[in-house]
């Protein structure tokens, strides 16, 4: 994890579903939309939920790669979308610094841009979002997590002589 992230915000599948549905509620008064452009990969799940809730059957993707693990790297557009975005809804999971969003805005300047989560640096890029988190927070999405043993806090404390035993793997 890079130094700029000091906090972690874990999001479960249930919480993501609830928050994406709340995004759909906010967007329902702004439509109708011709279709949805999901920002792959993180926006695929929220876009599906929004599409279901707003009964939108036309879903396309714009594919942008910008993260390598937890570091933002060079931004690469892997698949673009034609048109200027008129009548379209762009859905992503998160706007962080706004780099990806600005590239998509340049491609689809007339689209409505919505994210489930937003950080302060990226907020000006999106039109609608549900939850704001601090810039120094790394959101742990459910697709990035797996269930495993969590060592108790007391077991992590050592006096320096005898380190705590390794946690067993849980299938």
C-alpha atoms as a PDB file:
ATOM      1  CA  UNK A   1       0.000   0.000   0.000  1.00  0.00           C
ATOM      2  CA  UNK A   2       1.369   3.397  -0.881  1.00  0.00           C
ATOM      3  CA  UNK A   3       1.889   5.989   1.831  1.00  0.00           C
ATOM      4  CA  UNK A   4      -0.951   8.186   0.636  1.00  0.00           C
ATOM      5  CA  UNK A   5      -3.528   5.657   1.893  1.00  0.00           C
ATOM      6  CA  UNK A   6      -3.709   5.664   5.677  1.00  0.00           C
ATOM      7  CA  UNK A   7      -7.250   4.344   6.131  1.00  0.00           C
ATOM      8  CA  UNK A   8      -9.177   1.380   4.809  1.00  0.00           C
ATOM      9  CA  UNK A   9     -12.891   1.296   4.035  1.00  0.00           C
ATOM     10  CA  UNK A  10     -14.039  -2.312   3.504  1.00  0.00           C
ATOM     11  CA  UNK A  11     -17.254  -2.678   1.533  1.00  0.00           C
ATOM     12  CA  UNK A  12     -19.213  -5.949   1.611  1.00  0.00           C
ATOM     13  CA  UNK A  13     -21.348  -7.263  -1.249  1.00  0.00           C
ATOM     14  CA  UNK A  14     -24.479  -6.277   0.693  1.00  0.00           C
ATOM     15  CA  UNK A  15     -23.188  -2.763   1.317  1.00  0.00           C
ATOM     16  CA  UNK A  16     -22.182  -2.314  -2.324  1.00  0.00           C
ATOM     17  CA  UNK A  17     -25.611  -3.504  -3.450  1.00  0.00           C
ATOM     18  CA  UNK A  18     -27.331  -1.110  -1.026  1.00  0.00           C
ATOM     19  CA  UNK A  19     -25.156   1.829  -2.111  1.00  0.00           C
ATOM     20  CA  UNK A  20     -25.561   1.101  -5.839  1.00  0.00           C
ATOM     21  CA  UNK A  21     -29.327   0.909  -5.335  1.00  0.00           C
ATOM     22  CA  UNK A  22     -29.211   4.266  -3.525  1.00  0.00           C
ATOM     23  CA  UNK A  23     -27.353   5.626  -6.563  1.00  0.00           C
ATOM     24  CA  UNK A  24     -30.157   4.315  -8.778  1.00  0.00           C
ATOM     25  CA  UNK A  25     -32.740   6.089  -6.581  1.00  0.00           C
ATOM     26  CA  UNK A  26     -30.900   9.388  -7.083  1.00  0.00           C
ATOM     27  CA  UNK A  27     -30.602   8.809 -10.812  1.00  0.00           C
ATOM     28  CA  UNK A  28     -34.240   7.759 -11.293  1.00  0.00           C
ATOM     29  CA  UNK A  29     -35.404  11.384 -11.205  1.00  0.00           C
ATOM     30  CA  UNK A  30     -32.814  12.456 -13.794  1.00  0.00           C
ATOM     31  CA  UNK A  31     -33.674  10.019 -16.599  1.00  0.00           C
ATOM     32  CA  UNK A  32     -34.752   8.518 -18.765  1.00  0.00           C
ATOM     33  CA  UNK A  33     -31.370   7.437 -20.069  1.00  0.00           C
ATOM     34  CA  UNK A  34     -30.791   5.806 -23.479  1.00  0.00           C
ATOM     35  CA  UNK A  35     -28.353   3.379 -21.949  1.00  0.00           C
ATOM     36  CA  UNK A  36     -25.509   2.868 -19.512  1.00  0.00           C
ATOM     37  CA  UNK A  37     -21.785   2.913 -20.121  1.00  0.00           C
ATOM     38  CA  UNK A  38     -20.106   0.845 -17.395  1.00  0.00           C
ATOM     39  CA  UNK A  39     -16.495   1.702 -16.645  1.00  0.00           C
ATOM     40  CA  UNK A  40     -14.723  -1.639 -16.669  1.00  0.00           C
ATOM     41  CA  UNK A  41     -13.839  -3.252 -14.450  1.00  0.00           C
ATOM     42  CA  UNK A  42     -14.897  -1.579 -11.199  1.00  0.00           C
ATOM     43  CA  UNK A  43     -18.083  -0.090 -12.598  1.00  0.00           C
ATOM     44  CA  UNK A  44     -19.471  -3.362 -13.979  1.00  0.00           C
ATOM     45  CA  UNK A  45     -21.236  -4.516 -10.812  1.00  0.00           C
ATOM     46  CA  UNK A  46     -22.706  -1.098  -9.866  1.00  0.00           C
ATOM     47  CA  UNK A  47     -23.771  -0.579 -13.502  1.00  0.00           C
ATOM     48  CA  UNK A  48     -25.609  -3.896 -13.477  1.00  0.00           C
ATOM     49  CA  UNK A  49     -27.487  -2.941 -10.310  1.00  0.00           C
ATOM     50  CA  UNK A  50     -28.351   0.520 -11.647  1.00  0.00           C
ATOM     51  CA  UNK A  51     -29.448  -0.971 -14.999  1.00  0.00           C
ATOM     52  CA  UNK A  52     -31.753  -3.396 -13.220  1.00  0.00           C
ATOM     53  CA  UNK A  53     -33.251  -0.763 -10.942  1.00  0.00           C
ATOM     54  CA  UNK A  54     -33.848   1.725 -13.771  1.00  0.00           C
ATOM     55  CA  UNK A  55     -34.932  -0.976 -16.246  1.00  0.00           C
ATOM     56  CA  UNK A  56     -32.197  -0.058 -18.718  1.00  0.00           C
ATOM     57  CA  UNK A  57     -31.387  -2.885 -21.127  1.00  0.00           C
ATOM     58  CA  UNK A  58     -28.772  -1.191 -23.286  1.00  0.00           C
ATOM     59  CA  UNK A  59     -25.393  -1.469 -21.530  1.00  0.00           C
ATOM     60  CA  UNK A  60     -22.000  -0.797 -23.087  1.00  0.00           C
ATOM     61  CA  UNK A  61     -18.527  -0.577 -21.598  1.00  0.00           C
ATOM     62  CA  UNK A  62     -15.586   1.729 -21.718  1.00  0.00           C
ATOM     63  CA  UNK A  63     -12.435  -0.081 -20.650  1.00  0.00           C
ATOM     64  CA  UNK A  64      -9.716   1.915 -18.928  1.00  0.00           C
ATOM     65  CA  UNK A  65      -6.707   0.536 -17.081  1.00  0.00           C
ATOM     66  CA  UNK A  66      -5.152   2.863 -14.539  1.00  0.00           C
ATOM     67  CA  UNK A  67      -4.300   0.849 -11.422  1.00  0.00           C
ATOM     68  CA  UNK A  68      -1.543  -1.650 -10.866  1.00  0.00           C
ATOM     69  CA  UNK A  69      -2.383  -3.227  -7.516  1.00  0.00           C
ATOM     70  CA  UNK A  70      -2.848  -0.146  -5.308  1.00  0.00           C
ATOM     71  CA  UNK A  71      -0.798   2.310  -7.396  1.00  0.00           C
ATOM     72  CA  UNK A  72      -2.136   4.467 -10.169  1.00  0.00           C
ATOM     73  CA  UNK A  73      -0.021   3.872 -13.224  1.00  0.00           C
ATOM     74  CA  UNK A  74      -0.188   5.028 -16.800  1.00  0.00           C
ATOM     75  CA  UNK A  75      -3.780   5.424 -17.938  1.00  0.00           C
ATOM     76  CA  UNK A  76      -4.657   3.304 -20.979  1.00  0.00           C
ATOM     77  CA  UNK A  77      -7.959   3.333 -22.854  1.00  0.00           C
ATOM     78  CA  UNK A  78      -8.478  -0.279 -23.922  1.00  0.00           C
ATOM     79  CA  UNK A  79     -11.980   0.204 -25.407  1.00  0.00           C
ATOM     80  CA  UNK A  80     -13.726   3.478 -26.168  1.00  0.00           C
ATOM     81  CA  UNK A  81     -17.384   4.262 -26.881  1.00  0.00           C
ATOM     82  CA  UNK A  82     -18.638   6.142 -29.941  1.00  0.00           C
ATOM     83  CA  UNK A  83     -20.683   9.304 -29.737  1.00  0.00           C
ATOM     84  CA  UNK A  84     -20.705  12.256 -27.361  1.00  0.00           C
ATOM     85  CA  UNK A  85     -22.693  10.596 -24.582  1.00  0.00           C
ATOM     86  CA  UNK A  86     -25.957  12.473 -25.143  1.00  0.00           C
ATOM     87  CA  UNK A  87     -28.646  10.680 -23.112  1.00  0.00           C
ATOM     88  CA  UNK A  88     -26.202   8.137 -21.686  1.00  0.00           C
ATOM     89  CA  UNK A  89     -25.344   7.362 -18.084  1.00  0.00           C
ATOM     90  CA  UNK A  90     -21.727   6.506 -17.220  1.00  0.00           C
ATOM     91  CA  UNK A  91     -21.412   4.372 -14.061  1.00  0.00           C
ATOM     92  CA  UNK A  92     -18.245   3.606 -12.116  1.00  0.00           C
ATOM     93  CA  UNK A  93     -17.582   2.292  -8.639  1.00  0.00           C
ATOM     94  CA  UNK A  94     -15.361   5.162  -7.507  1.00  0.00           C
ATOM     95  CA  UNK A  95     -13.864   8.462  -8.512  1.00  0.00           C
ATOM     96  CA  UNK A  96     -10.495   8.850  -6.770  1.00  0.00           C
ATOM     97  CA  UNK A  97      -8.212  11.522  -8.240  1.00  0.00           C
ATOM     98  CA  UNK A  98     -10.474  12.058 -11.248  1.00  0.00           C
ATOM     99  CA  UNK A  99      -7.855  11.016 -13.831  1.00  0.00           C
ATOM    100  CA  UNK A 100      -9.976   8.238 -15.308  1.00  0.00           C
ATOM    101  CA  UNK A 101     -13.121  10.350 -15.096  1.00  0.00           C
ATOM    102  CA  UNK A 102     -11.540  13.233 -17.007  1.00  0.00           C
ATOM    103  CA  UNK A 103     -10.540  10.878 -19.830  1.00  0.00           C
ATOM    104  CA  UNK A 104     -14.073   9.481 -19.992  1.00  0.00           C
ATOM    105  CA  UNK A 105     -15.566  13.005 -19.825  1.00  0.00           C
ATOM    106  CA  UNK A 106     -13.419  13.956 -22.817  1.00  0.00           C
ATOM    107  CA  UNK A 107     -14.797  10.922 -24.706  1.00  0.00           C
ATOM    108  CA  UNK A 108     -18.422  11.419 -23.618  1.00  0.00           C
ATOM    109  CA  UNK A 109     -18.803  15.103 -22.680  1.00  0.00           C
ATOM    110  CA  UNK A 110     -22.624  15.077 -22.749  1.00  0.00           C
ATOM    111  CA  UNK A 111     -23.105  11.924 -20.625  1.00  0.00           C
ATOM    112  CA  UNK A 112     -24.232  11.979 -17.016  1.00  0.00           C
ATOM    113  CA  UNK A 113     -21.385  10.594 -14.889  1.00  0.00           C
ATOM    114  CA  UNK A 114     -22.292   8.732 -11.670  1.00  0.00           C
ATOM    115  CA  UNK A 115     -20.216   6.826  -9.132  1.00  0.00           C
ATOM    116  CA  UNK A 116     -21.089   4.988  -5.961  1.00  0.00           C
ATOM    117  CA  UNK A 117     -18.154   6.411  -4.000  1.00  0.00           C
ATOM    118  CA  UNK A 118     -16.265   9.692  -4.431  1.00  0.00           C
ATOM    119  CA  UNK A 119     -13.113  11.220  -2.989  1.00  0.00           C
ATOM    120  CA  UNK A 120     -12.637  14.996  -2.750  1.00  0.00           C
ATOM    121  CA  UNK A 121     -10.085  15.277  -5.597  1.00  0.00           C
ATOM    122  CA  UNK A 122     -12.398  13.486  -8.001  1.00  0.00           C
ATOM    123  CA  UNK A 123     -15.778  14.908  -6.938  1.00  0.00           C
ATOM    124  CA  UNK A 124     -15.795  17.730  -9.526  1.00  0.00           C
ATOM    125  CA  UNK A 125     -15.602  15.127 -12.309  1.00  0.00           C
ATOM    126  CA  UNK A 126     -18.867  13.336 -11.425  1.00  0.00           C
ATOM    127  CA  UNK A 127     -22.451  14.565 -11.547  1.00  0.00           C
ATOM    128  CA  UNK A 128     -23.937  12.155  -8.993  1.00  0.00           C
ATOM    129  CA  UNK A 129     -22.478   9.987  -6.233  1.00  0.00           C
ATOM    130  CA  UNK A 130     -23.701   8.377  -3.002  1.00  0.00           C
ATOM    131  CA  UNK A 131     -20.897   8.255  -0.432  1.00  0.00           C
ATOM    132  CA  UNK A 132     -17.839  10.456   0.005  1.00  0.00           C
ATOM    133  CA  UNK A 133     -14.695   9.038   1.579  1.00  0.00           C
ATOM    134  CA  UNK A 134     -11.491  10.863   2.490  1.00  0.00           C
ATOM    135  CA  UNK A 135      -8.708  11.092  -0.077  1.00  0.00           C
ATOM    136  CA  UNK A 136      -6.332   9.026   2.091  1.00  0.00           C
ATOM    137  CA  UNK A 137      -8.742   6.072   2.260  1.00  0.00           C
ATOM    138  CA  UNK A 138      -8.346   2.909   0.207  1.00  0.00           C
ATOM    139  CA  UNK A 139     -11.717   1.315  -0.507  1.00  0.00           C
ATOM    140  CA  UNK A 140     -11.569  -2.463  -0.210  1.00  0.00           C
ATOM    141  CA  UNK A 141     -14.222  -3.676  -2.650  1.00  0.00           C
ATOM    142  CA  UNK A 142     -15.751  -7.121  -2.160  1.00  0.00           C
ATOM    143  CA  UNK A 143     -14.084  -8.471  -5.297  1.00  0.00           C
ATOM    144  CA  UNK A 144     -10.703  -7.591  -3.758  1.00  0.00           C
ATOM    145  CA  UNK A 145     -11.332  -9.498  -0.534  1.00  0.00           C
ATOM    146  CA  UNK A 146     -11.592 -13.096   0.554  1.00  0.00           C
ATOM    147  CA  UNK A 147     -12.570 -14.568   3.862  1.00  0.00           C
ATOM    148  CA  UNK A 148      -9.693 -15.667   6.014  1.00  0.00           C
ATOM    149  CA  UNK A 149      -8.657 -15.990   9.627  1.00  0.00           C
ATOM    150  CA  UNK A 150      -8.223 -12.665  11.450  1.00  0.00           C
ATOM    151  CA  UNK A 151      -5.683 -12.775  14.242  1.00  0.00           C
ATOM    152  CA  UNK A 152      -6.940 -11.236  17.527  1.00  0.00           C
ATOM    153  CA  UNK A 153      -5.407  -7.889  18.429  1.00  0.00           C
ATOM    154  CA  UNK A 154      -3.909  -9.316  21.625  1.00  0.00           C
ATOM    155  CA  UNK A 155      -2.097 -12.010  19.651  1.00  0.00           C
ATOM    156  CA  UNK A 156      -0.460  -9.358  17.452  1.00  0.00           C
ATOM    157  CA  UNK A 157       1.173  -7.705  20.471  1.00  0.00           C
ATOM    158  CA  UNK A 158       4.576  -9.103  21.281  1.00  0.00           C
ATOM    159  CA  UNK A 159       7.289  -7.960  23.596  1.00  0.00           C
ATOM    160  CA  UNK A 160       9.832  -8.370  20.828  1.00  0.00           C
ATOM    161  CA  UNK A 161      11.221 -11.689  22.047  1.00  0.00           C
ATOM    162  CA  UNK A 162       8.499 -14.076  20.997  1.00  0.00           C
ATOM    163  CA  UNK A 163       6.611 -13.151  17.823  1.00  0.00           C
ATOM    164  CA  UNK A 164       2.997 -14.245  17.544  1.00  0.00           C
ATOM    165  CA  UNK A 165       2.465 -17.479  15.653  1.00  0.00           C
ATOM    166  CA  UNK A 166       1.353 -17.306  12.035  1.00  0.00           C
ATOM    167  CA  UNK A 167      -2.378 -17.469  11.429  1.00  0.00           C
ATOM    168  CA  UNK A 168      -3.652 -20.753  10.029  1.00  0.00           C
ATOM    169  CA  UNK A 169      -5.071 -20.766   6.509  1.00  0.00           C
ATOM    170  CA  UNK A 170      -8.808 -21.241   6.316  1.00  0.00           C
ATOM    171  CA  UNK A 171     -10.166 -22.946   3.198  1.00  0.00           C
END
